[in-house]
Amino acid sequence: MELRTTDLVIRPPVPDDAPEAFVLMNDPDVRRWNPTRACPDLATAEQWCRSGADWSDGSHASWHAVDPGTGRMVGNVSLFAIDRDDLVGKIGYRVLPAARGRGVARQMVDAVTRWAFESHGLMRVQLEHAVPNLASCRVALAAGFLLEGTARSAYAVPGGGREDCHLHGRLPGD
């Protein structure tokens, strides 16, 4: 399964993505806004890529965005918490530091959301982010997600504490 945007190829993770996955999973901004498991080495990053490529239980679909010119991973996007009864899911993403500011997040989120509606039959995709994460708010709005409200104390801050989250939603007709 491969999706294409103006600037990206979006495909399931592969073990060869491990070097970029290692950088991504250890980036301080990624760890601040989108906590992930500890990644002490390339073997752990490779296993993360392998597990992301296993969509067999139907609860998620993870993708890596690749720069078509270099073939190297520039970001990760996941459709998760897929509820087959209500036909809803959530979406989250991460972008490598060197690829930020180029529209990678918006393109990934938009492409996978369209896939969720057209190929997976979902009727709603939700994007949540900590209120202070202004970049994620801009991505959500640019990708067609409407700001629907704020969930109080919904985000556990790494190292302790809680923050409010913005809730954004997108429907097939948006």
C-alpha atoms as a PDB file:
ATOM      1  CA  MET A   1       0.000   0.000   0.000  1.00  0.00           C
ATOM      2  CA  GLU A   2       1.551   3.243  -1.156  1.00  0.00           C
ATOM      3  CA  LEU A   3       0.169   6.775  -1.207  1.00  0.00           C
ATOM      4  CA  ARG A   4       1.669   9.699  -3.079  1.00  0.00           C
ATOM      5  CA  THR A   5       1.479  13.423  -2.518  1.00  0.00           C
ATOM      6  CA  THR A   6       3.140  16.291  -4.337  1.00  0.00           C
ATOM      7  CA  ASP A   7       6.377  15.824  -2.374  1.00  0.00           C
ATOM      8  CA  LEU A   8       6.173  12.415  -0.691  1.00  0.00           C
ATOM      9  CA  VAL A   9       5.805   8.695  -1.064  1.00  0.00           C
ATOM     10  CA  ILE A  10       3.899   7.350   1.942  1.00  0.00           C
ATOM     11  CA  ARG A  11       4.288   3.627   2.538  1.00  0.00           C
ATOM     12  CA  PRO A  12       4.426   1.090   5.369  1.00  0.00           C
ATOM     13  CA  PRO A  13       7.608   1.116   7.452  1.00  0.00           C
ATOM     14  CA  VAL A  14      10.535  -1.075   6.412  1.00  0.00           C
ATOM     15  CA  PRO A  15      13.598  -2.167   8.433  1.00  0.00           C
ATOM     16  CA  ASP A  16      15.845   0.034   6.278  1.00  0.00           C
ATOM     17  CA  ASP A  17      14.102   3.063   7.847  1.00  0.00           C
ATOM     18  CA  ALA A  18      15.802   2.272  11.177  1.00  0.00           C
ATOM     19  CA  PRO A  19      18.500   5.009  11.036  1.00  0.00           C
ATOM     20  CA  GLU A  20      15.922   7.749  10.502  1.00  0.00           C
ATOM     21  CA  ALA A  21      13.513   6.112  12.960  1.00  0.00           C
ATOM     22  CA  PHE A  22      16.272   6.168  15.579  1.00  0.00           C
ATOM     23  CA  VAL A  23      16.772   9.921  15.068  1.00  0.00           C
ATOM     24  CA  LEU A  24      13.015  10.528  15.097  1.00  0.00           C
ATOM     25  CA  MET A  25      12.338   8.539  18.253  1.00  0.00           C
ATOM     26  CA  ASN A  26      15.148  10.308  20.112  1.00  0.00           C
ATOM     27  CA  ASP A  27      14.350  13.853  19.001  1.00  0.00           C
ATOM     28  CA  PRO A  28      13.533  16.021  22.058  1.00  0.00           C
ATOM     29  CA  ASP A  29      10.556  17.707  20.356  1.00  0.00           C
ATOM     30  CA  VAL A  30       9.075  14.363  19.306  1.00  0.00           C
ATOM     31  CA  ARG A  31       9.541  13.007  22.826  1.00  0.00           C
ATOM     32  CA  ARG A  32       7.928  16.148  24.275  1.00  0.00           C
ATOM     33  CA  TRP A  33       4.826  16.219  22.099  1.00  0.00           C
ATOM     34  CA  ASN A  34       4.402  12.626  21.009  1.00  0.00           C
ATOM     35  CA  PRO A  35       6.007  10.283  23.496  1.00  0.00           C
ATOM     36  CA  THR A  36       7.174   6.950  22.189  1.00  0.00           C
ATOM     37  CA  ARG A  37       9.009   3.965  23.589  1.00  0.00           C
ATOM     38  CA  ALA A  38      12.662   4.303  24.528  1.00  0.00           C
ATOM     39  CA  CYS A  39      14.948   3.764  21.549  1.00  0.00           C
ATOM     40  CA  PRO A  40      18.491   3.164  22.776  1.00  0.00           C
ATOM     41  CA  ASP A  41      19.847   1.628  19.553  1.00  0.00           C
ATOM     42  CA  LEU A  42      19.261   0.831  15.888  1.00  0.00           C
ATOM     43  CA  ALA A  43      17.978  -2.664  16.701  1.00  0.00           C
ATOM     44  CA  THR A  44      15.145  -1.125  18.725  1.00  0.00           C
ATOM     45  CA  ALA A  45      14.395   1.311  15.903  1.00  0.00           C
ATOM     46  CA  GLU A  46      14.316  -1.556  13.410  1.00  0.00           C
ATOM     47  CA  GLN A  47      11.896  -3.497  15.620  1.00  0.00           C
ATOM     48  CA  TRP A  48       9.691  -0.381  15.870  1.00  0.00           C
ATOM     49  CA  CYS A  49       9.617  -0.253  12.055  1.00  0.00           C
ATOM     50  CA  ARG A  50       8.724  -3.950  11.844  1.00  0.00           C
ATOM     51  CA  SER A  51       5.916  -3.656  14.394  1.00  0.00           C
ATOM     52  CA  GLY A  52       4.548  -0.554  12.653  1.00  0.00           C
ATOM     53  CA  ALA A  53       4.345  -2.487   9.396  1.00  0.00           C
ATOM     54  CA  ASP A  54       2.185  -5.207  11.007  1.00  0.00           C
ATOM     55  CA  TRP A  55      -1.393  -4.032  10.521  1.00  0.00           C
ATOM     56  CA  SER A  56      -2.852  -7.505  11.002  1.00  0.00           C
ATOM     57  CA  ASP A  57      -4.938  -6.817  14.118  1.00  0.00           C
ATOM     58  CA  GLY A  58      -6.818  -3.970  12.400  1.00  0.00           C
ATOM     59  CA  SER A  59      -6.279  -1.505  15.236  1.00  0.00           C
ATOM     60  CA  HIS A  60      -3.787   0.704  13.402  1.00  0.00           C
ATOM     61  CA  ALA A  61      -2.098   1.483  10.112  1.00  0.00           C
ATOM     62  CA  SER A  62       1.351   3.072  10.360  1.00  0.00           C
ATOM     63  CA  TRP A  63       3.182   4.678   7.478  1.00  0.00           C
ATOM     64  CA  HIS A  64       6.516   6.313   6.769  1.00  0.00           C
ATOM     65  CA  ALA A  65       6.774   9.297   4.494  1.00  0.00           C
ATOM     66  CA  VAL A  66       9.755   9.101   2.194  1.00  0.00           C
ATOM     67  CA  ASP A  67      11.473  11.768   0.141  1.00  0.00           C
ATOM     68  CA  PRO A  68      11.194  10.393  -3.414  1.00  0.00           C
ATOM     69  CA  GLY A  69      14.525  11.944  -4.397  1.00  0.00           C
ATOM     70  CA  THR A  70      16.593  10.338  -1.645  1.00  0.00           C
ATOM     71  CA  GLY A  71      14.419   7.375  -0.689  1.00  0.00           C
ATOM     72  CA  ARG A  72      14.948   8.302   2.970  1.00  0.00           C
ATOM     73  CA  MET A  73      12.241   8.517   5.610  1.00  0.00           C
ATOM     74  CA  VAL A  74      11.196  12.044   6.620  1.00  0.00           C
ATOM     75  CA  GLY A  75       8.184  11.324   8.830  1.00  0.00           C
ATOM     76  CA  ASN A  76       5.834   8.835  10.439  1.00  0.00           C
ATOM     77  CA  VAL A  77       2.039   8.896  10.535  1.00  0.00           C
ATOM     78  CA  SER A  78      -0.332   6.442  12.197  1.00  0.00           C
ATOM     79  CA  LEU A  79      -4.036   5.876  12.054  1.00  0.00           C
ATOM     80  CA  PHE A  80      -4.796   4.231  15.410  1.00  0.00           C
ATOM     81  CA  ALA A  81      -7.554   3.462  17.891  1.00  0.00           C
ATOM     82  CA  ILE A  82      -9.642   2.363  14.913  1.00  0.00           C
ATOM     83  CA  ASP A  83     -13.181   1.586  16.045  1.00  0.00           C
ATOM     84  CA  ARG A  84     -14.915  -0.605  13.463  1.00  0.00           C
ATOM     85  CA  ASP A  85     -18.320  -0.223  15.129  1.00  0.00           C
ATOM     86  CA  ASP A  86     -18.380   3.582  15.128  1.00  0.00           C
ATOM     87  CA  LEU A  87     -16.124   3.894  12.052  1.00  0.00           C
ATOM     88  CA  VAL A  88     -13.776   6.366  13.724  1.00  0.00           C
ATOM     89  CA  GLY A  89     -10.048   6.518  14.282  1.00  0.00           C
ATOM     90  CA  LYS A  90      -7.340   8.838  15.530  1.00  0.00           C
ATOM     91  CA  ILE A  91      -4.301  10.094  13.686  1.00  0.00           C
ATOM     92  CA  GLY A  92      -0.877  11.097  14.957  1.00  0.00           C
ATOM     93  CA  TYR A  93       2.383  11.970  13.283  1.00  0.00           C
ATOM     94  CA  ARG A  94       6.049  12.783  13.769  1.00  0.00           C
ATOM     95  CA  VAL A  95       8.459  14.600  11.437  1.00  0.00           C
ATOM     96  CA  LEU A  96      12.252  14.360  11.414  1.00  0.00           C
ATOM     97  CA  PRO A  97      13.905  17.650  12.443  1.00  0.00           C
ATOM     98  CA  ALA A  98      15.565  18.144   9.032  1.00  0.00           C
ATOM     99  CA  ALA A  99      12.193  17.862   7.258  1.00  0.00           C
ATOM    100  CA  ARG A 100      10.179  20.281   9.407  1.00  0.00           C
ATOM    101  CA  GLY A 101       8.675  23.393   7.866  1.00  0.00           C
ATOM    102  CA  ARG A 102       8.233  21.800   4.412  1.00  0.00           C
ATOM    103  CA  GLY A 103       4.605  20.655   4.685  1.00  0.00           C
ATOM    104  CA  VAL A 104       5.497  17.019   5.406  1.00  0.00           C
ATOM    105  CA  ALA A 105       3.097  16.694   8.352  1.00  0.00           C
ATOM    106  CA  ARG A 106       0.174  18.267   6.488  1.00  0.00           C
ATOM    107  CA  GLN A 107       0.694  16.060   3.444  1.00  0.00           C
ATOM    108  CA  MET A 108       1.004  12.879   5.529  1.00  0.00           C
ATOM    109  CA  VAL A 109      -2.055  13.639   7.650  1.00  0.00           C
ATOM    110  CA  ASP A 110      -4.174  14.615   4.650  1.00  0.00           C
ATOM    111  CA  ALA A 111      -3.176  11.591   2.539  1.00  0.00           C
ATOM    112  CA  VAL A 112      -3.723   9.019   5.274  1.00  0.00           C
ATOM    113  CA  THR A 113      -7.009  10.634   6.321  1.00  0.00           C
ATOM    114  CA  ARG A 114      -8.267  10.448   2.725  1.00  0.00           C
ATOM    115  CA  TRP A 115      -7.186   6.787   2.610  1.00  0.00           C
ATOM    116  CA  ALA A 116      -9.060   6.150   5.883  1.00  0.00           C
ATOM    117  CA  PHE A 117     -12.260   7.540   4.376  1.00  0.00           C
ATOM    118  CA  GLU A 118     -11.980   6.125   0.862  1.00  0.00           C
ATOM    119  CA  SER A 119     -10.379   2.728   1.445  1.00  0.00           C
ATOM    120  CA  HIS A 120     -11.155   1.963   5.061  1.00  0.00           C
ATOM    121  CA  GLY A 121     -14.712   3.330   5.295  1.00  0.00           C
ATOM    122  CA  LEU A 122     -14.129   5.528   8.334  1.00  0.00           C
ATOM    123  CA  MET A 123     -16.618   8.326   8.937  1.00  0.00           C
ATOM    124  CA  ARG A 124     -14.477  10.403  11.310  1.00  0.00           C
ATOM    125  CA  VAL A 125     -10.792  10.884  12.035  1.00  0.00           C
ATOM    126  CA  GLN A 126      -9.713  12.751  15.148  1.00  0.00           C
ATOM    127  CA  LEU A 127      -6.410  14.524  15.809  1.00  0.00           C
ATOM    128  CA  GLU A 128      -5.485  15.516  19.358  1.00  0.00           C
ATOM    129  CA  HIS A 129      -2.555  17.623  20.524  1.00  0.00           C
ATOM    130  CA  ALA A 130      -1.434  19.417  23.652  1.00  0.00           C
ATOM    131  CA  VAL A 131      -2.696  23.004  23.558  1.00  0.00           C
ATOM    132  CA  PRO A 132       0.817  24.535  23.781  1.00  0.00           C
ATOM    133  CA  ASN A 133       1.873  22.601  20.646  1.00  0.00           C
ATOM    134  CA  LEU A 134       1.036  25.385  18.209  1.00  0.00           C
ATOM    135  CA  ALA A 135       2.730  23.652  15.262  1.00  0.00           C
ATOM    136  CA  SER A 136       0.365  20.682  15.578  1.00  0.00           C
ATOM    137  CA  CYS A 137      -2.612  23.017  15.690  1.00  0.00           C
ATOM    138  CA  ARG A 138      -1.444  24.599  12.415  1.00  0.00           C
ATOM    139  CA  VAL A 139      -0.964  21.145  10.836  1.00  0.00           C
ATOM    140  CA  ALA A 140      -4.442  20.009  11.897  1.00  0.00           C
ATOM    141  CA  LEU A 141      -6.117  23.104  10.477  1.00  0.00           C
ATOM    142  CA  ALA A 142      -4.069  22.994   7.243  1.00  0.00           C
ATOM    143  CA  ALA A 143      -5.035  19.315   6.779  1.00  0.00           C
ATOM    144  CA  GLY A 144      -8.742  20.147   7.024  1.00  0.00           C
ATOM    145  CA  PHE A 145      -9.377  19.206  10.658  1.00  0.00           C
ATOM    146  CA  LEU A 146     -11.789  21.528  12.436  1.00  0.00           C
ATOM    147  CA  LEU A 147     -11.024  22.587  15.994  1.00  0.00           C
ATOM    148  CA  GLU A 148     -13.917  21.134  17.986  1.00  0.00           C
ATOM    149  CA  GLY A 149     -12.927  21.829  21.552  1.00  0.00           C
ATOM    150  CA  THR A 150     -10.525  21.381  24.415  1.00  0.00           C
ATOM    151  CA  ALA A 151     -10.231  18.351  26.667  1.00  0.00           C
ATOM    152  CA  ARG A 152      -9.048  19.415  30.084  1.00  0.00           C
ATOM    153  CA  SER A 153      -5.988  17.678  31.552  1.00  0.00           C
ATOM    154  CA  ALA A 154      -6.031  15.058  28.781  1.00  0.00           C
ATOM    155  CA  TYR A 155      -2.284  14.876  28.039  1.00  0.00           C
ATOM    156  CA  ALA A 156       0.242  13.338  30.413  1.00  0.00           C
ATOM    157  CA  VAL A 157       3.404  15.404  30.132  1.00  0.00           C
ATOM    158  CA  PRO A 158       6.559  13.275  30.062  1.00  0.00           C
ATOM    159  CA  GLY A 159       8.214  13.586  33.446  1.00  0.00           C
ATOM    160  CA  GLY A 160       4.972  14.515  35.205  1.00  0.00           C
ATOM    161  CA  GLY A 161       2.131  16.967  34.995  1.00  0.00           C
ATOM    162  CA  ARG A 162      -0.905  17.305  32.744  1.00  0.00           C
ATOM    163  CA  GLU A 163      -1.909  19.622  29.916  1.00  0.00           C
ATOM    164  CA  ASP A 164      -5.129  20.351  28.106  1.00  0.00           C
ATOM    165  CA  CYS A 165      -5.581  18.983  24.554  1.00  0.00           C
ATOM    166  CA  HIS A 166      -7.200  20.452  21.487  1.00  0.00           C
ATOM    167  CA  LEU A 167      -9.581  18.077  19.738  1.00  0.00           C
ATOM    168  CA  HIS A 168      -9.741  18.367  15.951  1.00  0.00           C
ATOM    169  CA  GLY A 169     -12.032  16.296  13.754  1.00  0.00           C
ATOM    170  CA  ARG A 170     -12.405  15.658  10.055  1.00  0.00           C
ATOM    171  CA  LEU A 171     -15.337  14.021   8.277  1.00  0.00           C
ATOM    172  CA  PRO A 172     -15.401  12.685   4.714  1.00  0.00           C
ATOM    173  CA  GLY A 173     -17.258  15.786   3.479  1.00  0.00           C
ATOM    174  CA  ASP A 174     -14.884  18.317   5.046  1.00  0.00           C
END
